[in-house]
């Protein structure tokens, strides 16, 4: 009887198949990137630099979120659905009321000299127990207030929405409605930890 040769598996082609599978999975899978809220941080205060002057109370729109996800806006309870309109009224101060931000006459390209609430700041502070979903919802409402105001003035001045303006036109609109949202470090107002 003749001895049979045992067939061997071609290891070279197995390595090729493994390499091709690796390439396939690398190319077809998605790599999720971390997303977050885009915010411009203020420059650091240098040791030899004087701290900025305190902001007058009328120029600060205070928004607090407690551990039960309830809003306290300007020391009054408020529903999330009302926050956008309240923020818009604060930012714009259309009737030039004494308890809302002071207006200054500013020369703005494309608009001329217009009254602007240059010192208006929205101060946001949440409790450590606040749910992240509520925090994001409040952020979205505040951002939407700025977006709507910018869009409204863009349509009045340029007859098109803010997103369709040139970069110079957008810069002029941002000069009228600069976005100033200050976030304080979370605290424990009470409730959950």
N, C-alpha and C. Protein backbone atom coordinates (compact mmCIF):
# COMPACT_ATOMS: atom_id res chain seq x y z
N UNK A 1 0.81 -1.16 0.00
CA UNK A 1 0.00 0.00 0.00
C UNK A 1 0.87 1.24 0.00
N UNK A 2 0.41 2.18 -0.80
CA UNK A 2 1.15 3.45 -0.89
C UNK A 2 0.60 4.44 0.14
N UNK A 3 1.53 5.11 0.71
CA UNK A 3 1.15 6.09 1.70
C UNK A 3 0.64 7.34 1.00
N UNK A 4 -0.49 7.83 1.44
CA UNK A 4 -1.08 9.05 0.84
C UNK A 4 -0.48 10.28 1.47
N UNK A 5 -0.31 11.31 0.66
CA UNK A 5 0.14 12.60 1.19
C UNK A 5 -1.06 13.32 1.80
N UNK A 6 -0.83 13.89 2.95
CA UNK A 6 -1.89 14.65 3.62
C UNK A 6 -1.92 16.05 3.03
N UNK A 7 -3.11 16.48 2.65
CA UNK A 7 -3.26 17.83 2.09
C UNK A 7 -3.15 18.86 3.20
N UNK A 8 -2.39 19.87 2.94
CA UNK A 8 -2.26 20.96 3.91
C UNK A 8 -3.07 22.15 3.43
N UNK A 9 -3.56 22.90 4.39
CA UNK A 9 -4.30 24.12 4.05
C UNK A 9 -3.27 25.19 3.72
N UNK A 10 -3.54 25.88 2.64
CA UNK A 10 -2.63 26.93 2.22
C UNK A 10 -2.73 28.11 3.20
N UNK A 11 -1.77 28.26 4.05
CA UNK A 11 -1.80 29.31 5.08
C UNK A 11 -1.66 30.70 4.47
N UNK A 12 -1.06 30.79 3.32
CA UNK A 12 -0.91 32.10 2.68
C UNK A 12 -2.25 32.69 2.30
N UNK A 13 -3.14 31.91 1.77
CA UNK A 13 -4.44 32.44 1.39
C UNK A 13 -5.31 32.71 2.61
N UNK A 14 -5.11 31.98 3.72
CA UNK A 14 -5.85 32.25 4.95
C UNK A 14 -5.48 33.62 5.50
N UNK A 15 -4.22 33.97 5.46
CA UNK A 15 -3.78 35.28 5.93
C UNK A 15 -4.37 36.37 5.06
N UNK A 16 -4.44 36.12 3.75
CA UNK A 16 -5.04 37.11 2.84
C UNK A 16 -6.52 37.33 3.16
N UNK A 17 -7.22 36.24 3.43
CA UNK A 17 -8.65 36.35 3.75
C UNK A 17 -8.83 37.11 5.06
N UNK A 18 -8.03 36.81 6.08
CA UNK A 18 -8.13 37.51 7.36
C UNK A 18 -7.85 39.00 7.17
N UNK A 19 -6.85 39.32 6.37
CA UNK A 19 -6.52 40.72 6.11
C UNK A 19 -7.67 41.43 5.39
N UNK A 20 -8.25 40.79 4.41
CA UNK A 20 -9.38 41.37 3.68
C UNK A 20 -10.58 41.59 4.59
N UNK A 21 -10.86 40.62 5.47
CA UNK A 21 -11.95 40.79 6.42
C UNK A 21 -11.69 41.97 7.36
N UNK A 22 -10.45 42.09 7.82
CA UNK A 22 -10.09 43.20 8.69
C UNK A 22 -10.32 44.54 7.96
N UNK A 23 -9.87 44.64 6.75
CA UNK A 23 -10.06 45.87 5.96
C UNK A 23 -11.56 46.13 5.76
N UNK A 24 -12.32 45.08 5.44
CA UNK A 24 -13.77 45.24 5.23
C UNK A 24 -14.44 45.82 6.46
N UNK A 25 -14.16 45.24 7.65
CA UNK A 25 -14.81 45.71 8.86
C UNK A 25 -14.35 47.11 9.25
N UNK A 26 -13.10 47.44 9.01
CA UNK A 26 -12.63 48.79 9.30
C UNK A 26 -13.31 49.83 8.42
N UNK A 27 -13.55 49.46 7.17
CA UNK A 27 -14.15 50.41 6.23
C UNK A 27 -15.66 50.54 6.41
N UNK A 28 -16.31 49.52 6.89
CA UNK A 28 -17.78 49.56 6.96
C UNK A 28 -18.31 49.98 8.32
N UNK A 29 -17.50 49.94 9.36
CA UNK A 29 -18.00 50.37 10.67
C UNK A 29 -17.88 51.87 10.80
N UNK A 30 -18.76 52.44 11.60
CA UNK A 30 -18.71 53.88 11.81
C UNK A 30 -18.01 54.15 13.13
N UNK A 31 -17.22 55.16 13.12
CA UNK A 31 -16.53 55.58 14.33
C UNK A 31 -17.25 56.81 14.85
N UNK A 32 -18.00 56.64 15.92
CA UNK A 32 -18.72 57.77 16.48
C UNK A 32 -17.74 58.73 17.14
N UNK A 33 -17.95 60.00 16.88
CA UNK A 33 -17.13 61.01 17.53
C UNK A 33 -17.94 61.62 18.66
N UNK A 34 -17.25 62.08 19.66
CA UNK A 34 -17.93 62.73 20.77
C UNK A 34 -18.51 64.05 20.30
N UNK A 35 -19.73 64.31 20.70
CA UNK A 35 -20.36 65.57 20.35
C UNK A 35 -20.69 66.30 21.64
N UNK A 36 -20.87 67.57 21.52
CA UNK A 36 -21.18 68.36 22.69
C UNK A 36 -21.71 69.70 22.28
N UNK A 37 -21.82 70.58 23.23
CA UNK A 37 -22.29 71.93 22.99
C UNK A 37 -21.10 72.80 22.65
N UNK A 38 -21.21 73.54 21.57
CA UNK A 38 -20.13 74.43 21.17
C UNK A 38 -20.24 75.71 21.97
N UNK A 39 -19.20 76.02 22.70
CA UNK A 39 -19.19 77.23 23.51
C UNK A 39 -17.82 77.88 23.38
N UNK A 40 -17.82 79.20 23.31
CA UNK A 40 -16.58 79.96 23.28
C UNK A 40 -16.27 80.33 24.73
N UNK A 41 -15.14 79.87 25.22
CA UNK A 41 -14.77 80.16 26.60
C UNK A 41 -14.09 81.52 26.66
N UNK A 42 -14.29 82.24 27.76
CA UNK A 42 -13.62 83.53 27.88
C UNK A 42 -12.13 83.33 28.05
N UNK A 43 -11.33 84.34 27.67
CA UNK A 43 -9.88 84.19 27.86
C UNK A 43 -9.55 84.18 29.34
N UNK A 44 -8.46 83.52 29.73
CA UNK A 44 -8.11 83.48 31.14
C UNK A 44 -7.69 84.87 31.63
N UNK A 45 -7.98 85.15 32.88
CA UNK A 45 -7.58 86.42 33.49
C UNK A 45 -6.15 86.25 33.98
N UNK A 46 -5.26 87.08 33.48
CA UNK A 46 -3.86 87.02 33.88
C UNK A 46 -3.69 87.62 35.28
N UNK A 47 -2.60 87.24 35.95
CA UNK A 47 -2.36 87.72 37.32
C UNK A 47 -2.27 89.23 37.40
N UNK A 48 -1.64 89.86 36.41
CA UNK A 48 -1.46 91.31 36.45
C UNK A 48 -2.65 92.07 35.86
N UNK A 49 -3.63 91.34 35.40
CA UNK A 49 -4.80 91.96 34.77
C UNK A 49 -5.90 92.18 35.82
N UNK A 50 -6.56 93.32 35.72
CA UNK A 50 -7.65 93.60 36.65
C UNK A 50 -8.86 92.76 36.28
N UNK A 51 -9.60 92.27 37.27
CA UNK A 51 -10.81 91.50 36.95
C UNK A 51 -11.84 92.44 36.31
N UNK A 52 -12.72 91.88 35.48
CA UNK A 52 -13.73 92.72 34.85
C UNK A 52 -14.67 93.31 35.89
N UNK A 53 -15.25 94.46 35.59
CA UNK A 53 -16.17 95.06 36.56
C UNK A 53 -17.40 94.18 36.75
N UNK A 54 -18.02 94.24 37.92
CA UNK A 54 -19.21 93.41 38.14
C UNK A 54 -20.35 93.83 37.20
N UNK A 55 -21.16 92.86 36.84
CA UNK A 55 -22.28 93.10 35.93
C UNK A 55 -23.48 93.54 36.76
N UNK A 56 -24.14 94.59 36.31
CA UNK A 56 -25.32 95.07 37.03
C UNK A 56 -26.42 94.02 36.98
N UNK A 57 -27.21 93.96 38.05
CA UNK A 57 -28.25 92.94 38.18
C UNK A 57 -29.24 92.98 37.03
N UNK A 58 -29.57 94.15 36.53
CA UNK A 58 -30.56 94.26 35.45
C UNK A 58 -30.04 93.64 34.15
N UNK A 59 -28.73 93.46 34.03
CA UNK A 59 -28.13 92.89 32.82
C UNK A 59 -27.94 91.38 32.90
N UNK A 60 -28.40 90.76 33.99
CA UNK A 60 -28.22 89.32 34.17
C UNK A 60 -29.59 88.64 34.20
N UNK A 61 -29.75 87.63 33.35
CA UNK A 61 -30.97 86.82 33.29
C UNK A 61 -30.61 85.49 33.96
N UNK A 62 -31.09 85.29 35.18
CA UNK A 62 -30.68 84.15 35.98
C UNK A 62 -31.61 82.96 35.74
N UNK A 63 -31.01 81.83 35.35
CA UNK A 63 -31.75 80.59 35.11
C UNK A 63 -31.13 79.52 36.01
N UNK A 64 -31.94 78.96 36.91
CA UNK A 64 -31.50 77.90 37.79
C UNK A 64 -32.31 76.64 37.52
N UNK A 65 -31.66 75.48 37.56
CA UNK A 65 -32.34 74.20 37.41
C UNK A 65 -32.05 73.39 38.66
N UNK A 66 -33.09 72.96 39.39
CA UNK A 66 -32.86 72.21 40.62
C UNK A 66 -32.79 70.71 40.34
N UNK A 67 -32.62 69.93 41.39
CA UNK A 67 -32.47 68.48 41.26
C UNK A 67 -33.74 67.78 40.80
N UNK A 68 -34.89 68.45 40.93
CA UNK A 68 -36.15 67.88 40.45
C UNK A 68 -36.45 68.35 39.03
N UNK A 69 -35.44 68.94 38.36
CA UNK A 69 -35.54 69.42 36.98
C UNK A 69 -36.58 70.53 36.82
N UNK A 70 -36.70 71.36 37.85
CA UNK A 70 -37.61 72.50 37.79
C UNK A 70 -36.79 73.76 37.54
N UNK A 71 -37.38 74.68 36.77
CA UNK A 71 -36.71 75.93 36.44
C UNK A 71 -37.10 77.03 37.40
N UNK A 72 -36.13 77.83 37.75
CA UNK A 72 -36.35 79.06 38.49
C UNK A 72 -35.69 80.15 37.67
N UNK A 73 -36.50 81.00 37.04
CA UNK A 73 -35.99 82.03 36.14
C UNK A 73 -36.30 83.38 36.76
N UNK A 74 -35.24 84.15 36.99
CA UNK A 74 -35.40 85.46 37.63
C UNK A 74 -36.20 85.33 38.93
N UNK A 75 -35.87 84.31 39.70
CA UNK A 75 -36.47 84.02 41.01
C UNK A 75 -37.95 83.63 40.94
N UNK A 76 -38.43 83.24 39.78
CA UNK A 76 -39.82 82.82 39.61
C UNK A 76 -39.85 81.44 38.96
N UNK A 77 -40.70 80.53 39.43
CA UNK A 77 -40.84 79.24 38.74
C UNK A 77 -41.33 79.46 37.31
N UNK A 78 -40.81 78.67 36.39
CA UNK A 78 -41.19 78.82 34.99
C UNK A 78 -41.16 77.46 34.30
N UNK A 79 -42.10 77.26 33.40
CA UNK A 79 -42.12 76.04 32.58
C UNK A 79 -41.07 76.17 31.48
N UNK A 80 -40.52 75.05 31.07
CA UNK A 80 -39.53 75.05 30.00
C UNK A 80 -40.08 75.68 28.73
N UNK A 81 -41.37 75.48 28.46
CA UNK A 81 -41.98 76.01 27.24
C UNK A 81 -42.03 77.53 27.23
N UNK A 82 -41.89 78.18 28.38
CA UNK A 82 -41.92 79.64 28.46
C UNK A 82 -40.53 80.27 28.42
N UNK A 83 -39.50 79.45 28.58
CA UNK A 83 -38.13 79.97 28.71
C UNK A 83 -37.66 80.72 27.47
N UNK A 84 -37.93 80.20 26.29
CA UNK A 84 -37.44 80.83 25.06
C UNK A 84 -37.98 82.25 24.92
N UNK A 85 -39.29 82.44 25.11
CA UNK A 85 -39.88 83.78 24.98
C UNK A 85 -39.36 84.73 26.05
N UNK A 86 -39.18 84.23 27.27
CA UNK A 86 -38.65 85.07 28.34
C UNK A 86 -37.21 85.49 28.03
N UNK A 87 -36.42 84.57 27.51
CA UNK A 87 -35.03 84.89 27.14
C UNK A 87 -35.00 85.89 25.99
N UNK A 88 -35.88 85.71 25.01
CA UNK A 88 -35.92 86.65 23.89
C UNK A 88 -36.26 88.06 24.37
N UNK A 89 -37.24 88.17 25.26
CA UNK A 89 -37.61 89.48 25.78
C UNK A 89 -36.44 90.11 26.53
N UNK A 90 -35.72 89.30 27.30
CA UNK A 90 -34.57 89.82 28.04
C UNK A 90 -33.48 90.29 27.08
N UNK A 91 -33.13 89.47 26.10
CA UNK A 91 -32.04 89.79 25.18
C UNK A 91 -32.37 91.04 24.37
N UNK A 92 -33.59 91.12 23.90
CA UNK A 92 -33.98 92.22 23.00
C UNK A 92 -34.39 93.49 23.75
N UNK A 93 -35.07 93.34 24.88
CA UNK A 93 -35.63 94.46 25.64
C UNK A 93 -36.35 95.43 24.67
N UNK A 94 -37.39 94.96 24.00
CA UNK A 94 -38.03 95.75 22.94
C UNK A 94 -38.67 97.05 23.44
N UNK A 95 -39.12 97.08 24.68
CA UNK A 95 -39.78 98.28 25.21
C UNK A 95 -38.83 99.14 26.05
N UNK A 96 -37.55 98.76 26.08
CA UNK A 96 -36.53 99.50 26.82
C UNK A 96 -36.92 99.69 28.29
N UNK A 97 -37.34 98.60 28.92
CA UNK A 97 -37.78 98.62 30.32
C UNK A 97 -36.59 98.74 31.26
N UNK A 98 -36.82 99.36 32.41
CA UNK A 98 -35.75 99.62 33.37
C UNK A 98 -35.22 98.35 34.05
N UNK A 99 -36.03 97.32 34.17
CA UNK A 99 -35.58 96.10 34.84
C UNK A 99 -34.91 95.11 33.88
N UNK A 100 -34.86 95.45 32.59
CA UNK A 100 -34.18 94.61 31.59
C UNK A 100 -32.88 95.29 31.18
N UNK A 101 -32.01 94.62 30.42
CA UNK A 101 -30.69 95.17 30.11
C UNK A 101 -30.74 96.56 29.48
N UNK A 102 -29.76 97.36 29.89
CA UNK A 102 -29.64 98.72 29.34
C UNK A 102 -29.20 98.64 27.89
N UNK A 103 -29.70 99.58 27.10
CA UNK A 103 -29.34 99.64 25.69
C UNK A 103 -28.32 100.75 25.45
N UNK A 104 -27.43 100.50 24.52
CA UNK A 104 -26.45 101.48 24.09
C UNK A 104 -26.55 101.63 22.59
N UNK A 105 -26.31 102.83 22.10
CA UNK A 105 -26.31 103.06 20.65
C UNK A 105 -24.96 102.59 20.10
N UNK A 106 -25.02 101.68 19.13
CA UNK A 106 -23.82 101.08 18.55
C UNK A 106 -23.90 101.21 17.04
N UNK A 107 -22.78 101.55 16.41
CA UNK A 107 -22.71 101.63 14.95
C UNK A 107 -22.42 100.23 14.41
N UNK A 108 -23.38 99.65 13.70
CA UNK A 108 -23.27 98.28 13.20
C UNK A 108 -23.29 98.32 11.67
N UNK A 109 -22.31 97.67 11.02
CA UNK A 109 -22.33 97.63 9.55
C UNK A 109 -23.66 97.07 9.03
N UNK A 110 -24.14 97.61 7.92
CA UNK A 110 -25.40 97.23 7.26
C UNK A 110 -26.64 97.75 7.98
N UNK A 111 -26.50 98.16 9.25
CA UNK A 111 -27.66 98.60 10.03
C UNK A 111 -27.60 100.07 10.41
N UNK A 112 -26.40 100.63 10.48
CA UNK A 112 -26.25 102.00 10.96
C UNK A 112 -26.16 102.00 12.48
N UNK A 113 -26.57 103.10 13.10
CA UNK A 113 -26.54 103.21 14.56
C UNK A 113 -27.85 102.66 15.12
N UNK A 114 -27.73 101.62 15.92
CA UNK A 114 -28.92 100.95 16.47
C UNK A 114 -28.74 100.73 17.97
N UNK A 115 -29.86 100.69 18.73
CA UNK A 115 -29.75 100.37 20.17
C UNK A 115 -29.51 98.87 20.36
N UNK A 116 -28.52 98.55 21.19
CA UNK A 116 -28.12 97.16 21.42
C UNK A 116 -27.97 96.94 22.92
N UNK A 117 -28.43 95.78 23.39
CA UNK A 117 -28.24 95.40 24.80
C UNK A 117 -26.86 94.74 24.91
N UNK A 118 -25.82 95.56 24.91
CA UNK A 118 -24.45 95.04 24.85
C UNK A 118 -24.02 94.27 26.09
N UNK A 119 -24.63 94.53 27.23
CA UNK A 119 -24.19 93.90 28.47
C UNK A 119 -25.11 92.77 28.94
N UNK A 120 -26.05 92.35 28.13
CA UNK A 120 -26.98 91.30 28.53
C UNK A 120 -26.26 89.96 28.64
N UNK A 121 -26.41 89.31 29.79
CA UNK A 121 -25.79 88.01 30.04
C UNK A 121 -26.83 87.06 30.60
N UNK A 122 -26.87 85.85 30.06
CA UNK A 122 -27.75 84.82 30.61
C UNK A 122 -26.88 83.93 31.50
N UNK A 123 -27.24 83.87 32.77
CA UNK A 123 -26.49 83.07 33.73
C UNK A 123 -27.25 81.77 33.99
N UNK A 124 -26.62 80.66 33.69
CA UNK A 124 -27.24 79.35 33.84
C UNK A 124 -26.50 78.57 34.91
N UNK A 125 -27.25 78.06 35.87
CA UNK A 125 -26.65 77.21 36.90
C UNK A 125 -27.60 76.06 37.19
N UNK A 126 -27.02 74.87 37.28
CA UNK A 126 -27.84 73.70 37.57
C UNK A 126 -27.36 73.01 38.82
N UNK A 127 -28.24 72.20 39.36
CA UNK A 127 -27.93 71.39 40.53
C UNK A 127 -27.15 70.15 40.07
N UNK A 128 -26.35 69.61 40.97
CA UNK A 128 -25.61 68.39 40.61
C UNK A 128 -26.54 67.22 40.30
N UNK A 129 -27.75 67.26 40.83
CA UNK A 129 -28.72 66.18 40.59
C UNK A 129 -29.59 66.40 39.36
N UNK A 130 -29.40 67.49 38.64
CA UNK A 130 -30.18 67.76 37.44
C UNK A 130 -29.92 66.69 36.39
N UNK A 131 -30.97 66.22 35.76
CA UNK A 131 -30.79 65.24 34.70
C UNK A 131 -30.19 65.92 33.48
N UNK A 132 -29.31 65.21 32.80
CA UNK A 132 -28.62 65.76 31.64
C UNK A 132 -29.60 66.16 30.55
N UNK A 133 -30.67 65.41 30.39
CA UNK A 133 -31.68 65.71 29.37
C UNK A 133 -32.31 67.07 29.61
N UNK A 134 -32.58 67.40 30.88
CA UNK A 134 -33.15 68.71 31.22
C UNK A 134 -32.14 69.81 30.96
N UNK A 135 -30.90 69.56 31.33
CA UNK A 135 -29.84 70.54 31.08
C UNK A 135 -29.75 70.86 29.58
N UNK A 136 -29.76 69.83 28.76
CA UNK A 136 -29.70 70.03 27.30
C UNK A 136 -30.94 70.75 26.78
N UNK A 137 -32.11 70.43 27.32
CA UNK A 137 -33.34 71.09 26.89
C UNK A 137 -33.28 72.58 27.19
N UNK A 138 -32.77 72.95 28.36
CA UNK A 138 -32.63 74.37 28.72
C UNK A 138 -31.62 75.04 27.79
N UNK A 139 -30.50 74.38 27.56
CA UNK A 139 -29.50 74.92 26.63
C UNK A 139 -30.11 75.15 25.24
N UNK A 140 -30.90 74.18 24.78
CA UNK A 140 -31.53 74.30 23.46
C UNK A 140 -32.49 75.49 23.41
N UNK A 141 -33.25 75.70 24.46
CA UNK A 141 -34.19 76.82 24.49
C UNK A 141 -33.45 78.16 24.48
N UNK A 142 -32.38 78.26 25.24
CA UNK A 142 -31.60 79.50 25.26
C UNK A 142 -30.95 79.76 23.91
N UNK A 143 -30.40 78.71 23.30
CA UNK A 143 -29.80 78.84 21.97
C UNK A 143 -30.87 79.22 20.95
N UNK A 144 -32.05 78.63 21.06
CA UNK A 144 -33.14 78.93 20.13
C UNK A 144 -33.59 80.38 20.24
N UNK A 145 -33.53 80.95 21.45
CA UNK A 145 -33.89 82.36 21.62
C UNK A 145 -32.97 83.24 20.79
N UNK A 146 -31.66 83.00 20.87
CA UNK A 146 -30.71 83.77 20.07
C UNK A 146 -30.92 83.52 18.58
N UNK A 147 -31.13 82.27 18.22
CA UNK A 147 -31.31 81.92 16.81
C UNK A 147 -32.54 82.61 16.22
N UNK A 148 -33.64 82.60 16.96
CA UNK A 148 -34.87 83.25 16.46
C UNK A 148 -34.69 84.75 16.33
N UNK A 149 -34.07 85.39 17.33
CA UNK A 149 -33.86 86.84 17.24
C UNK A 149 -32.97 87.19 16.05
N UNK A 150 -31.91 86.43 15.87
CA UNK A 150 -31.01 86.68 14.73
C UNK A 150 -31.73 86.44 13.40
N UNK A 151 -32.55 85.42 13.37
CA UNK A 151 -33.29 85.13 12.13
C UNK A 151 -34.31 86.23 11.83
N UNK A 152 -35.00 86.71 12.86
CA UNK A 152 -36.01 87.76 12.66
C UNK A 152 -35.38 89.04 12.12
N UNK A 153 -34.28 89.47 12.71
CA UNK A 153 -33.66 90.71 12.25
C UNK A 153 -33.03 90.53 10.87
N UNK A 154 -32.55 89.34 10.58
CA UNK A 154 -31.99 89.05 9.25
C UNK A 154 -33.06 89.15 8.18
N UNK A 155 -34.23 88.62 8.47
CA UNK A 155 -35.33 88.67 7.50
C UNK A 155 -35.82 90.11 7.31
N UNK A 156 -35.84 90.91 8.40
CA UNK A 156 -36.26 92.31 8.27
C UNK A 156 -35.25 93.12 7.46
N UNK A 157 -33.97 92.92 7.73
CA UNK A 157 -32.93 93.75 7.10
C UNK A 157 -32.52 93.24 5.72
N UNK A 158 -32.38 91.92 5.57
CA UNK A 158 -31.82 91.36 4.34
C UNK A 158 -32.81 90.51 3.54
N UNK A 159 -34.02 90.32 4.05
CA UNK A 159 -35.05 89.51 3.39
C UNK A 159 -34.62 88.06 3.18
N UNK A 160 -33.81 87.54 4.07
CA UNK A 160 -33.44 86.12 4.03
C UNK A 160 -33.01 85.69 5.44
N UNK A 161 -33.07 84.38 5.71
CA UNK A 161 -32.75 83.90 7.06
C UNK A 161 -31.26 84.08 7.37
N UNK A 162 -30.97 84.05 8.65
CA UNK A 162 -29.60 84.25 9.14
C UNK A 162 -28.61 83.28 8.51
N UNK A 163 -28.99 82.02 8.38
CA UNK A 163 -28.06 81.01 7.87
C UNK A 163 -27.67 81.26 6.42
N UNK A 164 -28.48 82.05 5.66
CA UNK A 164 -28.19 82.33 4.26
C UNK A 164 -27.40 83.63 4.06
N UNK A 165 -27.07 84.32 5.14
CA UNK A 165 -26.34 85.58 5.03
C UNK A 165 -24.86 85.33 4.77
N UNK A 166 -24.19 86.35 4.25
CA UNK A 166 -22.74 86.26 4.09
C UNK A 166 -22.10 86.33 5.47
N UNK A 167 -20.83 86.00 5.55
CA UNK A 167 -20.16 86.02 6.86
C UNK A 167 -20.12 87.43 7.43
N UNK A 168 -19.98 88.46 6.59
CA UNK A 168 -19.97 89.84 7.09
C UNK A 168 -21.35 90.23 7.62
N UNK A 169 -22.40 89.82 6.93
CA UNK A 169 -23.76 90.12 7.38
C UNK A 169 -24.06 89.39 8.69
N UNK A 170 -23.62 88.13 8.79
CA UNK A 170 -23.82 87.38 10.03
C UNK A 170 -23.07 88.03 11.19
N UNK A 171 -21.87 88.52 10.93
CA UNK A 171 -21.10 89.19 11.98
C UNK A 171 -21.82 90.44 12.47
N UNK A 172 -22.46 91.16 11.55
CA UNK A 172 -23.21 92.36 11.94
C UNK A 172 -24.41 91.98 12.80
N UNK A 173 -25.10 90.92 12.44
CA UNK A 173 -26.25 90.47 13.22
C UNK A 173 -25.79 90.00 14.60
N UNK A 174 -24.66 89.30 14.66
CA UNK A 174 -24.12 88.85 15.95
C UNK A 174 -23.69 90.03 16.82
N UNK A 175 -23.33 91.15 16.19
CA UNK A 175 -22.98 92.34 16.96
C UNK A 175 -24.22 92.92 17.64
N UNK A 176 -25.37 92.77 17.00
CA UNK A 176 -26.62 93.25 17.60
C UNK A 176 -27.09 92.29 18.69
N UNK A 177 -26.99 90.99 18.42
CA UNK A 177 -27.39 89.97 19.38
C UNK A 177 -26.21 89.05 19.70
N UNK A 178 -25.23 89.54 20.47
CA UNK A 178 -24.11 88.66 20.83
C UNK A 178 -24.57 87.61 21.83
N UNK A 179 -24.16 86.38 21.62
CA UNK A 179 -24.58 85.30 22.50
C UNK A 179 -23.68 85.27 23.72
N UNK A 180 -24.27 85.56 24.87
CA UNK A 180 -23.53 85.54 26.13
C UNK A 180 -24.29 84.67 27.13
N UNK A 181 -23.87 83.41 27.20
CA UNK A 181 -24.44 82.48 28.17
C UNK A 181 -23.32 82.09 29.12
N UNK A 182 -23.48 82.43 30.38
CA UNK A 182 -22.49 82.12 31.39
C UNK A 182 -22.98 80.93 32.20
N UNK A 183 -22.13 79.91 32.31
CA UNK A 183 -22.51 78.73 33.08
C UNK A 183 -21.70 78.67 34.36
N UNK A 184 -22.40 78.69 35.47
CA UNK A 184 -21.75 78.57 36.76
C UNK A 184 -21.56 77.10 37.09
N UNK A 185 -20.64 76.82 37.97
CA UNK A 185 -20.39 75.44 38.37
C UNK A 185 -21.63 74.87 39.09
N UNK A 186 -21.99 73.63 38.78
CA UNK A 186 -23.17 73.03 39.43
C UNK A 186 -23.02 73.02 40.95
N UNK A 187 -24.16 73.19 41.61
CA UNK A 187 -24.20 73.18 43.07
C UNK A 187 -25.29 72.24 43.54
N UNK A 188 -25.36 72.05 44.84
CA UNK A 188 -26.43 71.28 45.44
C UNK A 188 -27.45 72.25 46.01
N UNK A 189 -28.57 72.45 45.29
CA UNK A 189 -29.62 73.33 45.77
C UNK A 189 -30.55 72.59 46.72
N UNK A 190 -30.40 71.30 46.76
CA UNK A 190 -31.27 70.46 47.58
C UNK A 190 -31.81 69.33 46.75
N UNK A 191 -32.30 68.33 47.38
CA UNK A 191 -32.85 67.20 46.65
C UNK A 191 -31.81 66.10 46.52
N UNK A 192 -31.80 65.47 45.34
CA UNK A 192 -30.91 64.33 45.10
C UNK A 192 -29.46 64.78 45.02
N UNK A 193 -28.56 63.86 45.29
CA UNK A 193 -27.12 64.11 45.14
C UNK A 193 -26.56 63.26 44.06
